[in-house]
Amino acid sequence: MENPIPRWAIQVLLALIAIFFILFGINLLYMAYQIGEPFSFVMTFFASNLIILISATLLLGFVVKIVTTLKKTKEKEE
């Protein structure tokens, strides 16, 4: 029995979640520059950069999986 949800659709959903976290990290980075206390600025700055880095890496992985899955399904059809 075949899965009713295509594999690439799940990857698209995960990619959208990764985009949300990238935007959240950028917003957190912007808010870090509004903080006056140096220690809090440094901690928030590095936390936002970590969120952005991890989310961008996951997004790249999801996009690669989407492309490879679509190529495989296209080859099976031919």
N, C-alpha and C. Protein backbone atom coordinates (compact mmCIF):
# COMPACT_ATOMS: atom_id res chain seq x y z
N MET A 1 0.84 -1.18 0.00
CA MET A 1 0.00 0.00 0.00
C MET A 1 0.89 1.24 0.00
N GLU A 2 0.58 2.14 -0.89
CA GLU A 2 1.39 3.34 -1.05
C GLU A 2 0.96 4.43 -0.06
N ASN A 3 1.94 5.19 0.40
CA ASN A 3 1.67 6.29 1.33
C ASN A 3 0.86 7.37 0.60
N PRO A 4 -0.28 7.82 1.18
CA PRO A 4 -1.10 8.83 0.49
C PRO A 4 -0.43 10.20 0.39
N ILE A 5 0.52 10.49 1.28
CA ILE A 5 1.23 11.76 1.24
C ILE A 5 2.56 11.53 0.52
N PRO A 6 2.81 12.25 -0.56
CA PRO A 6 4.10 12.06 -1.25
C PRO A 6 5.27 12.43 -0.35
N ARG A 7 6.39 11.75 -0.59
CA ARG A 7 7.57 11.97 0.25
C ARG A 7 8.07 13.40 0.13
N TRP A 8 7.99 13.98 -1.07
CA TRP A 8 8.50 15.34 -1.25
C TRP A 8 7.62 16.35 -0.51
N ALA A 9 6.33 16.05 -0.31
CA ALA A 9 5.44 16.99 0.39
C ALA A 9 5.85 17.14 1.85
N ILE A 10 6.27 16.05 2.45
CA ILE A 10 6.74 16.11 3.84
C ILE A 10 8.01 16.95 3.92
N GLN A 11 8.89 16.79 2.93
CA GLN A 11 10.13 17.57 2.91
C GLN A 11 9.84 19.06 2.70
N VAL A 12 8.82 19.36 1.91
CA VAL A 12 8.44 20.77 1.71
C VAL A 12 7.94 21.37 3.02
N LEU A 13 7.15 20.61 3.77
CA LEU A 13 6.67 21.09 5.07
C LEU A 13 7.83 21.34 6.01
N LEU A 14 8.79 20.43 6.05
CA LEU A 14 9.97 20.62 6.91
C LEU A 14 10.81 21.81 6.44
N ALA A 15 10.88 22.03 5.13
CA ALA A 15 11.62 23.18 4.60
C ALA A 15 10.94 24.48 5.03
N LEU A 16 9.61 24.50 5.02
CA LEU A 16 8.89 25.71 5.46
C LEU A 16 9.13 25.98 6.94
N ILE A 17 9.19 24.93 7.74
CA ILE A 17 9.49 25.09 9.17
C ILE A 17 10.90 25.64 9.34
N ALA A 18 11.85 25.14 8.54
CA ALA A 18 13.23 25.65 8.62
C ALA A 18 13.29 27.12 8.22
N ILE A 19 12.51 27.52 7.22
CA ILE A 19 12.46 28.93 6.82
C ILE A 19 11.91 29.78 7.95
N PHE A 20 10.89 29.27 8.65
CA PHE A 20 10.34 29.99 9.80
C PHE A 20 11.42 30.23 10.86
N PHE A 21 12.22 29.20 11.13
CA PHE A 21 13.25 29.36 12.16
C PHE A 21 14.39 30.26 11.69
N ILE A 22 14.67 30.29 10.39
CA ILE A 22 15.65 31.25 9.89
C ILE A 22 15.15 32.66 10.11
N LEU A 23 13.88 32.90 9.80
CA LEU A 23 13.32 34.24 10.02
C LEU A 23 13.26 34.59 11.50
N PHE A 24 12.98 33.60 12.34
CA PHE A 24 12.99 33.82 13.79
C PHE A 24 14.39 34.18 14.27
N GLY A 25 15.41 33.50 13.74
CA GLY A 25 16.79 33.81 14.11
C GLY A 25 17.21 35.19 13.67
N ILE A 26 16.77 35.60 12.47
CA ILE A 26 17.08 36.95 12.00
C ILE A 26 16.40 37.99 12.88
N ASN A 27 15.16 37.73 13.28
CA ASN A 27 14.45 38.65 14.17
C ASN A 27 15.16 38.72 15.53
N LEU A 28 15.61 37.58 16.02
CA LEU A 28 16.33 37.56 17.29
C LEU A 28 17.65 38.31 17.18
N LEU A 29 18.31 38.19 16.04
CA LEU A 29 19.55 38.92 15.81
C LEU A 29 19.30 40.43 15.82
N TYR A 30 18.22 40.85 15.19
CA TYR A 30 17.85 42.27 15.20
C TYR A 30 17.57 42.74 16.63
N MET A 31 16.87 41.91 17.39
CA MET A 31 16.54 42.29 18.77
C MET A 31 17.78 42.31 19.65
N ALA A 32 18.80 41.53 19.31
CA ALA A 32 20.03 41.52 20.10
C ALA A 32 20.72 42.88 20.06
N TYR A 33 20.61 43.55 18.92
CA TYR A 33 21.26 44.86 18.81
C TYR A 33 20.50 45.94 19.58
N GLN A 34 19.31 45.65 20.06
CA GLN A 34 18.54 46.60 20.86
C GLN A 34 18.87 46.48 22.35
N ILE A 35 19.60 45.44 22.74
CA ILE A 35 19.93 45.19 24.14
C ILE A 35 21.12 46.07 24.54
N GLY A 36 21.01 46.71 25.69
CA GLY A 36 22.07 47.59 26.15
C GLY A 36 23.16 46.91 26.95
N GLU A 37 22.84 45.80 27.59
CA GLU A 37 23.80 45.11 28.44
C GLU A 37 24.71 44.22 27.58
N PRO A 38 26.03 44.36 27.72
CA PRO A 38 26.96 43.63 26.83
C PRO A 38 26.86 42.10 26.93
N PHE A 39 26.74 41.57 28.13
CA PHE A 39 26.69 40.12 28.28
C PHE A 39 25.44 39.55 27.61
N SER A 40 24.31 40.18 27.84
CA SER A 40 23.06 39.71 27.21
C SER A 40 23.12 39.85 25.70
N PHE A 41 23.77 40.93 25.22
CA PHE A 41 23.93 41.09 23.78
C PHE A 41 24.73 39.94 23.18
N VAL A 42 25.86 39.61 23.80
CA VAL A 42 26.73 38.56 23.26
C VAL A 42 26.00 37.21 23.28
N MET A 43 25.32 36.90 24.35
CA MET A 43 24.62 35.62 24.44
C MET A 43 23.49 35.54 23.42
N THR A 44 22.72 36.61 23.27
CA THR A 44 21.63 36.62 22.30
C THR A 44 22.16 36.61 20.88
N PHE A 45 23.26 37.31 20.63
CA PHE A 45 23.87 37.35 19.30
C PHE A 45 24.31 35.96 18.87
N PHE A 46 25.04 35.25 19.73
CA PHE A 46 25.51 33.92 19.37
C PHE A 46 24.37 32.91 19.29
N ALA A 47 23.36 33.06 20.14
CA ALA A 47 22.21 32.16 20.07
C ALA A 47 21.46 32.34 18.75
N SER A 48 21.27 33.58 18.33
CA SER A 48 20.56 33.82 17.07
C SER A 48 21.36 33.31 15.88
N ASN A 49 22.68 33.48 15.91
CA ASN A 49 23.51 32.96 14.82
C ASN A 49 23.49 31.44 14.77
N LEU A 50 23.44 30.79 15.92
CA LEU A 50 23.35 29.34 15.95
C LEU A 50 22.01 28.86 15.38
N ILE A 51 20.93 29.54 15.72
CA ILE A 51 19.62 29.19 15.18
C ILE A 51 19.61 29.34 13.67
N ILE A 52 20.17 30.43 13.18
CA ILE A 52 20.21 30.67 11.74
C ILE A 52 21.07 29.61 11.05
N LEU A 53 22.22 29.30 11.60
CA LEU A 53 23.12 28.32 10.99
C LEU A 53 22.51 26.93 10.92
N ILE A 54 21.93 26.48 12.01
CA ILE A 54 21.32 25.15 12.02
C ILE A 54 20.13 25.09 11.08
N SER A 55 19.29 26.12 11.08
CA SER A 55 18.12 26.14 10.22
C SER A 55 18.51 26.19 8.74
N ALA A 56 19.54 26.94 8.41
CA ALA A 56 19.98 27.01 7.02
C ALA A 56 20.55 25.67 6.56
N THR A 57 21.27 24.99 7.44
CA THR A 57 21.82 23.67 7.10
C THR A 57 20.69 22.67 6.89
N LEU A 58 19.70 22.68 7.76
CA LEU A 58 18.56 21.78 7.59
C LEU A 58 17.79 22.11 6.32
N LEU A 59 17.62 23.39 6.03
CA LEU A 59 16.91 23.79 4.81
C LEU A 59 17.64 23.28 3.58
N LEU A 60 18.95 23.40 3.57
CA LEU A 60 19.73 22.89 2.44
C LEU A 60 19.54 21.39 2.29
N GLY A 61 19.56 20.67 3.39
CA GLY A 61 19.34 19.21 3.34
C GLY A 61 17.96 18.85 2.83
N PHE A 62 16.94 19.59 3.26
CA PHE A 62 15.58 19.31 2.80
C PHE A 62 15.43 19.60 1.31
N VAL A 63 16.04 20.67 0.84
CA VAL A 63 15.97 21.01 -0.58
C VAL A 63 16.67 19.95 -1.42
N VAL A 64 17.81 19.47 -0.95
CA VAL A 64 18.51 18.41 -1.67
C VAL A 64 17.66 17.14 -1.72
N LYS A 65 17.00 16.79 -0.61
CA LYS A 65 16.14 15.61 -0.59
C LYS A 65 14.94 15.78 -1.53
N ILE A 66 14.38 16.98 -1.58
CA ILE A 66 13.26 17.23 -2.49
C ILE A 66 13.69 17.03 -3.93
N VAL A 67 14.83 17.59 -4.28
CA VAL A 67 15.32 17.49 -5.66
C VAL A 67 15.61 16.04 -6.03
N THR A 68 16.30 15.31 -5.15
CA THR A 68 16.62 13.91 -5.47
C THR A 68 15.37 13.04 -5.54
N THR A 69 14.40 13.29 -4.67
CA THR A 69 13.16 12.52 -4.70
C THR A 69 12.39 12.80 -5.99
N LEU A 70 12.31 14.04 -6.39
CA LEU A 70 11.60 14.37 -7.62
C LEU A 70 12.32 13.79 -8.84
N LYS A 71 13.64 13.78 -8.84
CA LYS A 71 14.39 13.17 -9.95
C LYS A 71 14.13 11.67 -10.03
N LYS A 72 14.10 11.00 -8.86
CA LYS A 72 13.86 9.56 -8.86
C LYS A 72 12.45 9.24 -9.35
N THR A 73 11.46 9.99 -8.94
CA THR A 73 10.10 9.73 -9.39
C THR A 73 9.96 10.03 -10.88
N LYS A 74 10.68 11.02 -11.37
CA LYS A 74 10.64 11.33 -12.79
C LYS A 74 11.29 10.22 -13.61
N GLU A 75 12.37 9.62 -13.10
CA GLU A 75 13.03 8.51 -13.80
C GLU A 75 12.16 7.26 -13.80
N LYS A 76 11.40 7.03 -12.72
CA LYS A 76 10.52 5.86 -12.65
C LYS A 76 9.38 5.99 -13.66
N GLU A 77 8.91 7.20 -13.90
CA GLU A 77 7.82 7.41 -14.84
C GLU A 77 8.27 7.18 -16.28
N GLU A 78 9.52 7.42 -16.57
CA GLU A 78 10.01 7.28 -17.95
C GLU A 78 10.31 5.87 -18.32
